[in-house]
Protein backbone atom coordinates (compact mmCIF):
# COMPACT_ATOMS: atom_id res chain seq x y z
CA MET A 1 -0.73 -28.93 68.60
CA SER A 2 -0.48 -32.72 68.62
CA ALA A 3 -1.60 -34.59 65.67
CA SER A 4 -4.84 -36.59 65.66
CA ILE A 5 -4.53 -39.26 62.95
CA LEU A 6 -8.37 -40.00 61.92
CA SER A 7 -7.65 -42.37 59.13
CA ILE A 8 -4.95 -44.28 57.05
CA ILE A 9 -6.10 -45.23 53.65
CA LEU A 10 -4.07 -48.01 52.09
CA GLY A 11 -3.46 -48.82 48.43
CA ALA A 12 -5.76 -46.15 47.01
CA GLY A 13 -3.20 -44.54 44.92
CA PRO A 14 -2.13 -45.53 41.50
CA ARG A 15 -0.88 -49.23 41.06
CA SER A 16 -0.98 -50.26 37.41
CA ASN A 17 0.83 -53.52 38.09
CA ALA A 18 -1.21 -54.61 41.17
CA GLN A 19 -2.61 -57.69 39.26
CA ALA A 20 0.47 -58.33 37.36
CA LEU A 21 2.83 -61.33 38.16
CA VAL A 22 6.39 -60.53 39.04
CA GLY A 23 9.03 -63.15 37.97
CA PRO A 24 10.47 -65.42 36.95
CA VAL A 25 12.81 -65.26 40.07
CA TYR A 26 14.78 -67.69 42.12
CA PRO A 27 14.41 -68.00 45.03
CA PRO A 28 10.95 -66.61 45.58
CA PRO A 29 10.71 -63.43 47.78
CA LEU A 30 10.65 -65.20 51.13
CA ASN A 31 12.55 -68.32 50.16
CA VAL A 32 12.02 -72.00 49.70
CA SER A 33 13.75 -75.19 50.53
CA PHE A 34 15.02 -77.18 47.50
CA SER A 35 16.64 -80.59 46.88
CA SER A 36 17.26 -82.93 43.92
CA ASN A 37 17.82 -86.61 43.52
CA ASP A 38 20.79 -85.86 41.14
CA THR A 39 23.21 -84.82 43.76
CA ASN A 40 26.23 -86.16 41.75
CA ASN A 41 25.08 -84.46 38.47
CA ILE A 42 25.17 -87.60 36.42
CA GLY A 43 22.49 -86.68 34.16
CA LEU A 44 19.42 -88.40 35.57
CA ILE A 45 17.32 -86.08 33.56
CA GLY A 46 18.16 -88.11 30.50
CA LEU A 47 17.87 -91.56 31.95
CA GLY A 48 14.88 -93.73 32.68
CA GLY A 49 13.99 -92.55 36.30
CA GLY A 50 14.26 -88.76 35.58
CA LEU A 51 15.31 -85.90 37.50
CA THR A 52 13.20 -85.20 40.56
CA LEU A 53 13.12 -81.64 42.01
CA SER A 54 11.62 -81.27 45.45
CA TYR A 55 10.49 -78.07 46.92
CA SER A 56 9.12 -77.47 50.56
CA ASN A 57 8.59 -74.70 53.11
CA LEU A 58 7.48 -72.28 50.42
CA ALA A 59 7.11 -68.91 52.43
CA LEU A 60 4.10 -67.06 51.21
CA ALA A 61 3.56 -64.21 53.57
CA THR A 62 1.66 -61.59 51.47
CA TYR A 63 2.51 -63.32 48.23
CA GLN A 64 -0.48 -65.49 47.54
CA PRO A 65 -0.42 -67.41 45.48
CA VAL A 66 3.17 -68.18 44.33
CA TYR A 67 3.66 -70.02 41.13
CA TRP A 68 6.52 -72.18 40.05
CA GLY A 69 7.32 -73.68 36.56
CA ALA A 70 9.53 -73.64 33.60
CA THR A 71 10.80 -70.35 32.30
CA ASP A 72 10.00 -69.05 28.76
CA GLY A 73 12.55 -70.68 26.39
CA GLY A 74 14.28 -72.42 29.43
CA ILE A 75 14.10 -75.97 28.28
CA ALA A 76 16.49 -77.15 25.62
CA LEU A 77 18.20 -80.62 24.39
CA SER A 78 21.11 -80.86 21.93
CA PHE A 79 23.35 -83.58 20.69
CA VAL A 80 25.58 -80.85 19.22
CA SER A 81 26.36 -77.88 21.34
CA ASP A 82 25.55 -76.13 24.69
CA SER A 83 24.72 -73.09 22.80
CA PHE A 84 21.47 -74.71 21.68
CA ALA A 85 21.82 -72.93 18.31
CA GLY A 86 20.14 -75.61 16.16
CA THR A 87 16.66 -75.31 14.91
CA ASN A 88 14.13 -76.14 17.60
CA GLU A 89 16.81 -77.22 20.12
CA ILE A 90 15.16 -74.80 22.44
CA MET A 91 11.84 -76.38 23.02
CA SER A 92 8.20 -75.08 22.71
CA PHE A 93 5.35 -76.09 24.87
CA SER A 94 3.38 -78.75 23.14
CA SER A 95 0.67 -80.33 25.25
CA ALA A 96 -0.52 -81.35 28.63
CA SER A 97 -2.45 -84.16 30.43
CA LEU A 98 -4.57 -83.38 33.39
CA THR A 99 -5.03 -87.11 34.04
CA GLU A 100 -1.14 -87.71 34.28
CA SER A 101 -0.36 -84.32 35.56
CA ASN A 102 2.18 -84.15 32.68
CA LEU A 103 3.53 -81.08 30.81
CA VAL A 104 5.19 -81.66 27.51
CA TRP A 105 7.72 -79.49 25.53
CA THR A 106 8.96 -80.70 22.14
CA GLY A 107 11.86 -79.80 19.76
CA GLN A 108 14.47 -81.33 17.52
CA THR A 109 18.34 -81.93 17.41
CA VAL A 110 20.68 -83.79 15.19
CA LEU A 111 22.59 -87.08 15.77
CA GLN A 112 26.02 -87.13 14.25
CA SER A 113 27.09 -90.75 14.32
CA PHE A 114 29.64 -92.93 12.57
CA GLN A 115 27.26 -95.74 12.44
CA TYR A 116 24.07 -93.87 11.49
CA GLY A 117 25.24 -90.65 9.81
CA THR A 118 23.68 -87.37 10.47
CA VAL A 119 19.95 -87.97 11.60
CA PRO A 120 17.40 -85.36 12.70
CA ILE A 121 16.02 -86.42 16.07
CA ASN A 122 12.78 -85.34 17.64
CA THR A 123 13.06 -84.37 21.29
CA ARG A 124 10.71 -83.70 24.19
CA CYS A 125 10.87 -82.78 27.90
CA ARG A 126 8.02 -84.22 29.96
CA MET A 127 7.33 -82.96 33.42
CA ALA A 128 5.23 -84.88 35.90
CA LEU A 129 4.13 -82.78 38.81
CA SER A 130 2.88 -84.18 42.06
CA SER A 131 0.10 -81.50 42.32
CA PRO A 132 -2.26 -79.96 39.94
CA TRP A 133 -0.99 -77.27 37.63
CA VAL A 134 -2.52 -74.08 36.23
CA ASP A 135 -2.42 -73.00 32.50
CA ALA A 136 0.31 -70.40 32.30
CA THR A 137 -1.53 -68.24 29.69
CA ALA A 138 -4.60 -67.94 31.98
CA LEU A 139 -2.09 -65.95 34.23
CA GLY A 140 -0.83 -63.80 31.46
CA LEU A 141 2.42 -65.70 31.34
CA PRO A 142 4.09 -66.80 27.95
CA ALA A 143 2.63 -69.82 26.15
CA ASP A 144 5.97 -71.85 26.33
CA VAL A 145 5.85 -71.62 30.11
CA GLY A 146 3.13 -74.24 29.82
CA GLY A 147 1.75 -74.86 33.20
CA VAL A 148 2.72 -73.71 36.71
CA PHE A 149 2.26 -75.13 40.17
CA ALA A 150 0.33 -72.85 42.42
CA GLY A 151 1.73 -72.61 45.99
CA SER A 152 -0.90 -71.76 48.61
CA PRO A 153 -0.97 -72.00 52.47
CA THR A 154 -2.32 -75.57 52.11
CA SER A 155 0.09 -76.52 49.38
CA GLU A 156 3.56 -75.44 50.19
CA SER A 157 5.39 -78.64 49.17
CA TRP A 158 5.54 -80.32 45.71
CA GLN A 159 7.76 -82.41 43.37
CA ALA A 160 8.55 -82.12 39.68
CA THR A 161 10.09 -85.12 37.84
CA LEU A 162 11.59 -84.13 34.46
CA PHE A 163 12.43 -86.57 31.64
CA MET A 164 14.49 -85.56 28.60
CA GLU A 165 13.45 -87.95 25.86
CA VAL A 166 14.03 -88.48 22.13
CA GLN A 167 11.91 -90.23 19.46
CA ASP A 168 13.88 -93.41 18.59
CA SER A 169 13.38 -93.45 14.83
CA LEU A 170 16.28 -95.88 14.45
CA ASP A 171 14.93 -98.31 17.19
CA ILE A 172 18.37 -98.30 18.75
CA LEU A 173 16.93 -99.29 22.14
CA GLY A 174 14.78 -101.91 20.63
CA GLU A 175 11.42 -100.59 22.11
CA GLY A 176 9.92 -100.03 18.60
CA VAL A 177 10.45 -97.51 15.87
CA ASP A 178 9.56 -93.94 16.92
CA ALA A 179 9.14 -94.91 20.66
CA TRP A 180 9.97 -92.12 23.05
CA VAL A 181 13.16 -93.20 25.07
CA PRO A 182 15.56 -91.63 27.63
CA ALA A 183 17.73 -89.14 25.73
CA LEU A 184 21.01 -90.16 27.39
CA SER A 185 20.30 -93.89 27.06
CA PHE A 186 19.64 -93.46 23.40
CA TYR A 187 22.76 -91.44 22.85
CA ASN A 188 25.00 -93.69 24.55
CA LEU A 189 23.91 -96.62 22.34
CA ALA A 190 23.93 -94.53 19.13
CA ASP A 191 27.77 -94.86 18.42
CA ALA A 192 27.96 -91.09 18.24
CA GLY A 193 31.59 -91.37 18.17
CA SER A 194 32.67 -87.71 17.21
CA PRO A 195 34.80 -86.17 19.82
CA ASN A 196 32.74 -82.94 19.12
CA THR A 197 29.37 -84.22 20.06
CA ASN A 198 27.80 -84.83 23.43
CA VAL A 199 24.43 -84.58 25.26
CA PHE A 200 23.57 -81.03 26.35
CA SER A 201 20.32 -80.34 28.32
CA SER A 202 18.95 -77.27 30.08
CA PHE A 203 16.02 -76.79 32.37
CA SER A 204 15.42 -73.39 33.86
CA GLY A 205 12.67 -72.97 36.45
CA GLY A 206 11.54 -69.96 38.36
CA PHE A 207 8.84 -68.37 40.58
CA TRP A 208 6.10 -65.83 39.74
CA TYR A 209 4.22 -64.08 42.54
CA SER A 210 1.49 -61.41 42.86
CA ASP A 211 2.99 -57.87 43.20
CA ALA A 212 1.73 -57.46 46.81
CA ILE A 213 -0.44 -54.47 47.61
CA PRO A 214 0.78 -52.73 50.80
CA VAL A 215 -0.66 -53.98 54.00
CA ILE A 216 -0.26 -51.96 57.26
CA THR A 217 1.15 -53.98 60.16
CA GLY A 218 1.57 -51.29 62.79
CA VAL A 219 1.23 -47.57 63.56
CA HIS A 220 2.42 -45.53 66.43
CA THR A 221 3.71 -42.18 67.66
CA VAL A 222 7.57 -41.95 67.81
CA SER A 223 8.00 -40.01 71.32
CA ALA A 224 11.38 -38.78 70.53
CA SER A 225 10.57 -36.88 67.40
CA GLY A 226 6.93 -36.41 67.81
CA GLY A 227 6.46 -38.07 64.37
CA PHE A 228 4.10 -40.79 63.30
CA GLU A 229 5.45 -44.16 62.28
CA ILE A 230 3.76 -46.40 59.76
CA ASP A 231 4.87 -49.97 59.31
CA PHE A 232 3.64 -51.89 56.35
CA THR A 233 4.43 -54.94 54.10
CA ALA A 234 4.91 -54.70 50.29
CA THR A 235 6.82 -56.39 47.46
CA PRO A 236 10.57 -56.38 48.38
CA GLY A 237 12.36 -53.61 46.27
CA SER A 238 9.03 -51.84 45.25
CA THR A 239 8.56 -48.07 45.56
CA ASN A 240 5.85 -47.15 47.89
CA THR A 241 5.06 -43.62 48.22
CA VAL A 242 3.37 -42.24 51.49
CA LEU A 243 0.87 -39.43 50.79
CA ALA A 244 -1.02 -37.22 53.07
CA SER A 245 -4.03 -34.67 53.20
CA THR A 246 -6.13 -33.04 55.83
CA ASN A 247 -9.23 -33.53 53.53
CA VAL A 248 -9.92 -37.26 52.69
CA ALA A 249 -12.15 -36.11 49.89
CA LEU A 250 -9.68 -34.31 47.82
CA PRO A 251 -8.73 -35.92 44.37
CA LEU A 252 -5.46 -37.88 44.54
CA ALA A 253 -3.52 -35.41 42.46
CA GLN A 254 -3.98 -32.83 45.41
CA TRP A 255 -2.61 -35.21 48.07
CA THR A 256 0.92 -34.36 49.34
CA PRO A 257 3.69 -36.85 48.70
CA LEU A 258 5.50 -37.15 52.01
CA GLY A 259 8.23 -39.65 50.83
CA ILE A 260 9.18 -43.20 50.07
CA GLY A 261 8.81 -46.06 52.62
CA VAL A 262 12.08 -47.48 53.58
CA ASN A 263 12.44 -51.26 52.84
CA ILE A 264 13.69 -52.51 56.33
CA VAL A 265 14.16 -56.10 55.47
CA SER A 266 12.43 -58.73 53.17
CA ASP A 267 8.89 -57.41 52.63
CA GLN A 268 8.93 -55.12 55.68
CA PHE A 269 8.63 -51.27 55.09
CA ARG A 270 8.53 -48.16 57.32
CA PHE A 271 7.88 -44.50 57.04
CA ILE A 272 8.01 -41.81 59.71
CA ASP A 273 6.01 -38.62 59.20
CA LEU A 274 8.09 -35.97 61.16
CA SER A 275 5.55 -33.25 60.34
CA ALA A 276 2.57 -35.01 61.85
CA SER A 277 2.54 -32.89 65.05
CA ALA A 278 1.73 -29.80 62.92
CA TYR A 279 -1.81 -31.08 62.12
CA ALA A 280 -4.88 -31.46 64.16
CA GLN A 281 -5.86 -34.48 61.74
CA ARG A 282 -4.23 -35.95 58.74
CA PHE A 283 -5.19 -38.85 56.35
CA TYR A 284 -2.62 -41.07 54.77
CA ARG A 285 -2.47 -43.19 51.52
CA ILE A 286 0.27 -45.68 50.65
CA ALA A 287 0.64 -45.78 46.76
CA GLY A 288 2.57 -48.70 45.49
CA TYR A 289 4.25 -48.66 41.93
């Protein structure tokens, strides 16, 4: 007897992380275009003009929205070592300004200078976004992420300019005691001198996205096998179990697991029910985990 498929029920199975954000990852699931103004890696992040990161062509597909921002503990500045082992050399989120679209992280390092001796130096990283940002904690992300850009079908391109700065308690740059000045400019004039010191900075950014609920994109009979093919989209690498029942009213626990959808490419999945022809009617669920 040939199968008569009356209904396909999508996403009705358990999905404990359906509302959770996946990440941070780079690149995002369906890619993005990226460029930087520091192509020669000369340390623009520590100079007056800052380091500008440009993103465009963010592919959203079923991942809406997609967020971008600093990773938790991913911003650091040190005049001592690239291990950032000193107290507060890994910065913490401090404040934000909606007016200026600025996000600020603060920390501290130590200047070791022949001229000035050993001096604690307050540090900060300031991020100026070209677009409005969203409070990271409102999305369930760690507080030190600060704020994130939200990509959407109408906002797929943005820029972030980063400034690594220090509080010039010595007024080395002549801009006033405790003025915030570019970190590399400050260091270059501070007569650091010691061969064991340098400027080390780190910025780690990533993407977060909604764990996509499966969406059916096509269904048809496979003539060669008599089976029934279900094509759907879901989060790349996720586990999506196809369940079936002849009675749609049965509790989920009594539905029959048929197998796992195969991740064909990117967010595209496929499952073929080879036993479909044995049933006059059959209902399906796709349960993502």
